[in-house]
């Protein structure tokens, strides 16, 4: 039950961040641009972590 509520909350945060990114690209208010900037920064952090985890896994198996 609690896990489901946490996942729903996380989903709402992600969707809200995406909405703010689109709204900011169309010239939204200052707070929307701040939320959009935070959302894009969080996406970069997740992407870098996924890339570093993937390279360490594939590097050991491929020998690259």
PDB file of N, CA and C in Angstrom:
ATOM      1  N   UNK A   1       0.826  -1.191   0.000  1.00  0.00           N
ATOM      2  CA  UNK A   1       0.000   0.000   0.000  1.00  0.00           C
ATOM      3  C   UNK A   1       0.869   1.253   0.000  1.00  0.00           C
ATOM      4  N   UNK A   2       1.824   1.302   0.948  1.00  0.00           N
ATOM      5  CA  UNK A   2       2.692   2.468   1.041  1.00  0.00           C
ATOM      6  C   UNK A   2       3.584   2.591  -0.194  1.00  0.00           C
ATOM      7  N   UNK A   3       4.066   1.472  -0.702  1.00  0.00           N
ATOM      8  CA  UNK A   3       4.907   1.486  -1.895  1.00  0.00           C
ATOM      9  C   UNK A   3       4.132   2.019  -3.100  1.00  0.00           C
ATOM     10  N   UNK A   4       2.882   1.635  -3.215  1.00  0.00           N
ATOM     11  CA  UNK A   4       2.050   2.134  -4.306  1.00  0.00           C
ATOM     12  C   UNK A   4       1.856   3.632  -4.228  1.00  0.00           C
ATOM     13  N   UNK A   5       1.642   4.147  -3.019  1.00  0.00           N
ATOM     14  CA  UNK A   5       1.475   5.596  -2.850  1.00  0.00           C
ATOM     15  C   UNK A   5       2.756   6.354  -3.193  1.00  0.00           C
ATOM     16  N   UNK A   6       3.886   5.791  -2.806  1.00  0.00           N
ATOM     17  CA  UNK A   6       5.171   6.420  -3.130  1.00  0.00           C
ATOM     18  C   UNK A   6       5.383   6.437  -4.643  1.00  0.00           C
ATOM     19  N   UNK A   7       5.062   5.337  -5.310  1.00  0.00           N
ATOM     20  CA  UNK A   7       5.225   5.275  -6.764  1.00  0.00           C
ATOM     21  C   UNK A   7       4.281   6.248  -7.477  1.00  0.00           C
ATOM     22  N   UNK A   8       3.052   6.377  -6.978  1.00  0.00           N
ATOM     23  CA  UNK A   8       2.112   7.332  -7.571  1.00  0.00           C
ATOM     24  C   UNK A   8       2.623   8.758  -7.373  1.00  0.00           C
ATOM     25  N   UNK A   9       3.145   9.047  -6.191  1.00  0.00           N
ATOM     26  CA  UNK A   9       3.712  10.370  -5.933  1.00  0.00           C
ATOM     27  C   UNK A   9       4.893  10.667  -6.836  1.00  0.00           C
ATOM     28  N   UNK A  10       5.750   9.693  -7.030  1.00  0.00           N
ATOM     29  CA  UNK A  10       6.905   9.868  -7.920  1.00  0.00           C
ATOM     30  C   UNK A  10       6.460  10.089  -9.361  1.00  0.00           C
ATOM     31  N   UNK A  11       5.453   9.349  -9.788  1.00  0.00           N
ATOM     32  CA  UNK A  11       4.921   9.517 -11.133  1.00  0.00           C
ATOM     33  C   UNK A  11       4.341  10.914 -11.322  1.00  0.00           C
ATOM     34  N   UNK A  12       3.627  11.403 -10.328  1.00  0.00           N
ATOM     35  CA  UNK A  12       3.069  12.758 -10.414  1.00  0.00           C
ATOM     36  C   UNK A  12       4.169  13.818 -10.484  1.00  0.00           C
ATOM     37  N   UNK A  13       5.258  13.624  -9.739  1.00  0.00           N
ATOM     38  CA  UNK A  13       6.378  14.554  -9.804  1.00  0.00           C
ATOM     39  C   UNK A  13       7.026  14.562 -11.187  1.00  0.00           C
ATOM     40  N   UNK A  14       7.189  13.384 -11.765  1.00  0.00           N
ATOM     41  CA  UNK A  14       7.812  13.285 -13.091  1.00  0.00           C
ATOM     42  C   UNK A  14       6.929  13.938 -14.152  1.00  0.00           C
ATOM     43  N   UNK A  15       5.637  13.640 -14.115  1.00  0.00           N
ATOM     44  CA  UNK A  15       4.719  14.237 -15.095  1.00  0.00           C
ATOM     45  C   UNK A  15       4.658  15.743 -14.912  1.00  0.00           C
ATOM     46  N   UNK A  16       4.601  16.204 -13.667  1.00  0.00           N
ATOM     47  CA  UNK A  16       4.590  17.644 -13.411  1.00  0.00           C
ATOM     48  C   UNK A  16       5.858  18.318 -13.902  1.00  0.00           C
ATOM     49  N   UNK A  17       7.001  17.674 -13.734  1.00  0.00           N
ATOM     50  CA  UNK A  17       8.259  18.232 -14.228  1.00  0.00           C
ATOM     51  C   UNK A  17       8.280  18.330 -15.746  1.00  0.00           C
ATOM     52  N   UNK A  18       7.756  17.310 -16.410  1.00  0.00           N
ATOM     53  CA  UNK A  18       7.698  17.338 -17.874  1.00  0.00           C
ATOM     54  C   UNK A  18       6.773  18.442 -18.371  1.00  0.00           C
ATOM     55  N   UNK A  19       5.650  18.623 -17.680  1.00  0.00           N
ATOM     56  CA  UNK A  19       4.737  19.699 -18.048  1.00  0.00           C
ATOM     57  C   UNK A  19       5.431  21.051 -17.888  1.00  0.00           C
ATOM     58  N   UNK A  20       6.185  21.211 -16.822  1.00  0.00           N
ATOM     59  CA  UNK A  20       6.898  22.477 -16.604  1.00  0.00           C
ATOM     60  C   UNK A  20       7.971  22.712 -17.660  1.00  0.00           C
ATOM     61  N   UNK A  21       8.632  21.655 -18.123  1.00  0.00           N
ATOM     62  CA  UNK A  21       9.640  21.817 -19.171  1.00  0.00           C
ATOM     63  C   UNK A  21       8.988  22.339 -20.450  1.00  0.00           C
ATOM     64  N   UNK A  22       7.849  21.765 -20.811  1.00  0.00           N
ATOM     65  CA  UNK A  22       7.149  22.210 -22.020  1.00  0.00           C
ATOM     66  C   UNK A  22       6.643  23.632 -21.839  1.00  0.00           C
ATOM     67  N   UNK A  23       6.068  23.933 -20.688  1.00  0.00           N
ATOM     68  CA  UNK A  23       5.531  25.261 -20.420  1.00  0.00           C
ATOM     69  C   UNK A  23       6.649  26.301 -20.419  1.00  0.00           C
ATOM     70  N   UNK A  24       7.802  25.971 -19.831  1.00  0.00           N
ATOM     71  CA  UNK A  24       8.929  26.905 -19.797  1.00  0.00           C
ATOM     72  C   UNK A  24       9.471  27.170 -21.195  1.00  0.00           C
ATOM     73  N   UNK A  25       9.420  26.163 -22.065  1.00  0.00           N
ATOM     74  CA  UNK A  25       9.913  26.369 -23.426  1.00  0.00           C
ATOM     75  C   UNK A  25       9.007  27.332 -24.196  1.00  0.00           C
ATOM     76  N   UNK A  26       7.776  27.476 -23.724  1.00  0.00           N
ATOM     77  CA  UNK A  26       6.841  28.414 -24.354  1.00  0.00           C
ATOM     78  C   UNK A  26       6.783  29.745 -23.617  1.00  0.00           C
ATOM     79  N   UNK A  27       7.709  29.962 -22.672  1.00  0.00           N
ATOM     80  CA  UNK A  27       7.793  31.244 -21.990  1.00  0.00           C
ATOM     81  C   UNK A  27       6.934  31.346 -20.748  1.00  0.00           C
ATOM     82  N   UNK A  28       6.939  30.352 -19.919  1.00  0.00           N
ATOM     83  CA  UNK A  28       6.144  30.354 -18.700  1.00  0.00           C
ATOM     84  C   UNK A  28       6.719  31.288 -17.647  1.00  0.00           C
ATOM     85  N   UNK A  29       6.057  31.358 -16.502  1.00  0.00           N
ATOM     86  CA  UNK A  29       6.542  32.209 -15.415  1.00  0.00           C
ATOM     87  C   UNK A  29       7.872  31.722 -14.838  1.00  0.00           C
ATOM     88  N   UNK A  30       8.452  32.537 -13.998  1.00  0.00           N
ATOM     89  CA  UNK A  30       9.792  32.257 -13.475  1.00  0.00           C
ATOM     90  C   UNK A  30       9.834  30.946 -12.690  1.00  0.00           C
ATOM     91  N   UNK A  31       8.816  30.673 -11.871  1.00  0.00           N
ATOM     92  CA  UNK A  31       8.847  29.453 -11.063  1.00  0.00           C
ATOM     93  C   UNK A  31       8.787  28.203 -11.937  1.00  0.00           C
ATOM     94  N   UNK A  32       8.102  28.308 -13.081  1.00  0.00           N
ATOM     95  CA  UNK A  32       8.042  27.174 -13.999  1.00  0.00           C
ATOM     96  C   UNK A  32       9.409  26.919 -14.617  1.00  0.00           C
ATOM     97  N   UNK A  33      10.112  27.988 -14.939  1.00  0.00           N
ATOM     98  CA  UNK A  33      11.465  27.828 -15.495  1.00  0.00           C
ATOM     99  C   UNK A  33      12.402  27.205 -14.475  1.00  0.00           C
ATOM    100  N   UNK A  34      12.214  27.541 -13.192  1.00  0.00           N
ATOM    101  CA  UNK A  34      13.024  26.930 -12.140  1.00  0.00           C
ATOM    102  C   UNK A  34      12.750  25.447 -11.991  1.00  0.00           C
ATOM    103  N   UNK A  35      11.484  25.075 -12.030  1.00  0.00           N
ATOM    104  CA  UNK A  35      11.126  23.649 -11.943  1.00  0.00           C
ATOM    105  C   UNK A  35      11.638  22.908 -13.168  1.00  0.00           C
ATOM    106  N   UNK A  36      11.535  23.528 -14.335  1.00  0.00           N
ATOM    107  CA  UNK A  36      12.024  22.892 -15.560  1.00  0.00           C
ATOM    108  C   UNK A  36      13.533  22.687 -15.497  1.00  0.00           C
ATOM    109  N   UNK A  37      14.239  23.681 -14.989  1.00  0.00           N
ATOM    110  CA  UNK A  37      15.696  23.569 -14.877  1.00  0.00           C
ATOM    111  C   UNK A  37      16.065  22.427 -13.927  1.00  0.00           C
ATOM    112  N   UNK A  38      15.340  22.324 -12.816  1.00  0.00           N
ATOM    113  CA  UNK A  38      15.587  21.248 -11.858  1.00  0.00           C
ATOM    114  C   UNK A  38      15.284  19.887 -12.472  1.00  0.00           C
ATOM    115  N   UNK A  39      14.206  19.805 -13.234  1.00  0.00           N
ATOM    116  CA  UNK A  39      13.833  18.548 -13.889  1.00  0.00           C
ATOM    117  C   UNK A  39      14.899  18.117 -14.890  1.00  0.00           C
ATOM    118  N   UNK A  40      15.374  19.055 -15.690  1.00  0.00           N
ATOM    119  CA  UNK A  40      16.404  18.725 -16.679  1.00  0.00           C
ATOM    120  C   UNK A  40      17.716  18.329 -16.002  1.00  0.00           C
ATOM    121  N   UNK A  41      18.043  18.991 -14.906  1.00  0.00           N
ATOM    122  CA  UNK A  41      19.256  18.644 -14.168  1.00  0.00           C
ATOM    123  C   UNK A  41      19.145  17.241 -13.576  1.00  0.00           C
ATOM    124  N   UNK A  42      17.989  16.913 -13.018  1.00  0.00           N
ATOM    125  CA  UNK A  42      17.782  15.569 -12.466  1.00  0.00           C
ATOM    126  C   UNK A  42      17.886  14.514 -13.572  1.00  0.00           C
ATOM    127  N   UNK A  43      17.374  14.832 -14.751  1.00  0.00           N
ATOM    128  CA  UNK A  43      17.490  13.908 -15.878  1.00  0.00           C
ATOM    129  C   UNK A  43      18.930  13.674 -16.281  1.00  0.00           C
ATOM    130  N   UNK A  44      19.724  14.736 -16.252  1.00  0.00           N
ATOM    131  CA  UNK A  44      21.157  14.594 -16.576  1.00  0.00           C
ATOM    132  C   UNK A  44      21.866  13.704 -15.555  1.00  0.00           C
ATOM    133  N   UNK A  45      21.547  13.892 -14.282  1.00  0.00           N
ATOM    134  CA  UNK A  45      22.175  13.087 -13.232  1.00  0.00           C
ATOM    135  C   UNK A  45      21.822  11.617 -13.412  1.00  0.00           C
ATOM    136  N   UNK A  46      20.560  11.322 -13.667  1.00  0.00           N
ATOM    137  CA  UNK A  46      20.129   9.935 -13.874  1.00  0.00           C
ATOM    138  C   UNK A  46      20.797   9.348 -15.109  1.00  0.00           C
ATOM    139  N   UNK A  47      20.887  10.145 -16.177  1.00  0.00           N
ATOM    140  CA  UNK A  47      21.511   9.664 -17.413  1.00  0.00           C
ATOM    141  C   UNK A  47      22.986   9.345 -17.194  1.00  0.00           C
ATOM    142  N   UNK A  48      23.697  10.207 -16.446  1.00  0.00           N
ATOM    143  CA  UNK A  48      25.122   9.961 -16.196  1.00  0.00           C
ATOM    144  C   UNK A  48      25.324   8.730 -15.328  1.00  0.00           C
ATOM    145  N   UNK A  49      24.452   8.537 -14.341  1.00  0.00           N
ATOM    146  CA  UNK A  49      24.569   7.349 -13.497  1.00  0.00           C
ATOM    147  C   UNK A  49      24.294   6.083 -14.292  1.00  0.00           C
ATOM    148  N   UNK A  50      23.290   6.125 -15.137  1.00  0.00           N
ATOM    149  CA  UNK A  50      22.975   4.947 -15.952  1.00  0.00           C
ATOM    150  C   UNK A  50      24.107   4.648 -16.926  1.00  0.00           C
ATOM    151  N   UNK A  51      24.697   5.701 -17.472  1.00  0.00           N
ATOM    152  CA  UNK A  51      25.798   5.511 -18.415  1.00  0.00           C
ATOM    153  C   UNK A  51      27.012   4.909 -17.708  1.00  0.00           C
ATOM    154  N   UNK A  52      27.315   5.386 -16.496  1.00  0.00           N
ATOM    155  CA  UNK A  52      28.481   4.857 -15.785  1.00  0.00           C
ATOM    156  C   UNK A  52      28.239   3.411 -15.343  1.00  0.00           C
ATOM    157  N   UNK A  53      27.023   3.083 -14.938  1.00  0.00           N
ATOM    158  CA  UNK A  53      26.729   1.698 -14.569  1.00  0.00           C
ATOM    159  C   UNK A  53      26.766   0.792 -15.793  1.00  0.00           C
ATOM    160  N   UNK A  54      26.248   1.261 -16.910  1.00  0.00           N
ATOM    161  CA  UNK A  54      26.239   0.451 -18.134  1.00  0.00           C
ATOM    162  C   UNK A  54      27.630   0.230 -18.670  1.00  0.00           C
ATOM    163  N   UNK A  55      28.495   1.240 -18.584  1.00  0.00           N
ATOM    164  CA  UNK A  55      29.842   1.088 -19.123  1.00  0.00           C
ATOM    165  C   UNK A  55      30.664   0.147 -18.258  1.00  0.00           C
ATOM    166  N   UNK A  56      30.424   0.146 -16.949  1.00  0.00           N
ATOM    167  CA  UNK A  56      31.196  -0.765 -16.101  1.00  0.00           C
ATOM    168  C   UNK A  56      30.755  -2.216 -16.327  1.00  0.00           C
ATOM    169  N   UNK A  57      29.465  -2.424 -16.591  1.00  0.00           N
ATOM    170  CA  UNK A  57      28.959  -3.773 -16.874  1.00  0.00           C
ATOM    171  C   UNK A  57      29.434  -4.250 -18.225  1.00  0.00           C
ATOM    172  N   UNK A  58      29.229  -3.432 -19.254  1.00  0.00           N
ATOM    173  CA  UNK A  58      29.594  -3.864 -20.603  1.00  0.00           C
ATOM    174  C   UNK A  58      31.104  -3.893 -20.788  1.00  0.00           C
ATOM    175  N   UNK A  59      31.828  -3.047 -20.058  1.00  0.00           N
ATOM    176  CA  UNK A  59      33.286  -3.029 -20.173  1.00  0.00           C
ATOM    177  C   UNK A  59      33.907  -4.295 -19.674  1.00  0.00           C
ATOM    178  N   UNK A  60      33.321  -4.883 -18.633  1.00  0.00           N
ATOM    179  CA  UNK A  60      33.899  -6.100 -18.094  1.00  0.00           C
ATOM    180  C   UNK A  60      33.579  -7.313 -18.962  1.00  0.00           C
ATOM    181  N   UNK A  61      32.427  -7.273 -19.668  1.00  0.00           N
ATOM    182  CA  UNK A  61      32.063  -8.427 -20.475  1.00  0.00           C
ATOM    183  C   UNK A  61      32.609  -8.334 -21.903  1.00  0.00           C
ATOM    184  N   UNK A  62      32.722  -7.104 -22.427  1.00  0.00           N
ATOM    185  CA  UNK A  62      33.190  -6.919 -23.808  1.00  0.00           C
ATOM    186  C   UNK A  62      34.708  -6.856 -23.895  1.00  0.00           C
ATOM    187  N   UNK A  63      35.351  -6.401 -22.827  1.00  0.00           N
ATOM    188  CA  UNK A  63      36.792  -6.225 -22.883  1.00  0.00           C
ATOM    189  C   UNK A  63      37.175  -4.920 -23.571  1.00  0.00           C
ATOM    190  N   UNK A  64      36.236  -3.971 -23.656  1.00  0.00           N
ATOM    191  CA  UNK A  64      36.542  -2.692 -24.307  1.00  0.00           C
ATOM    192  C   UNK A  64      37.293  -1.758 -23.411  1.00  0.00           C
TER     193      UNK A  64
END
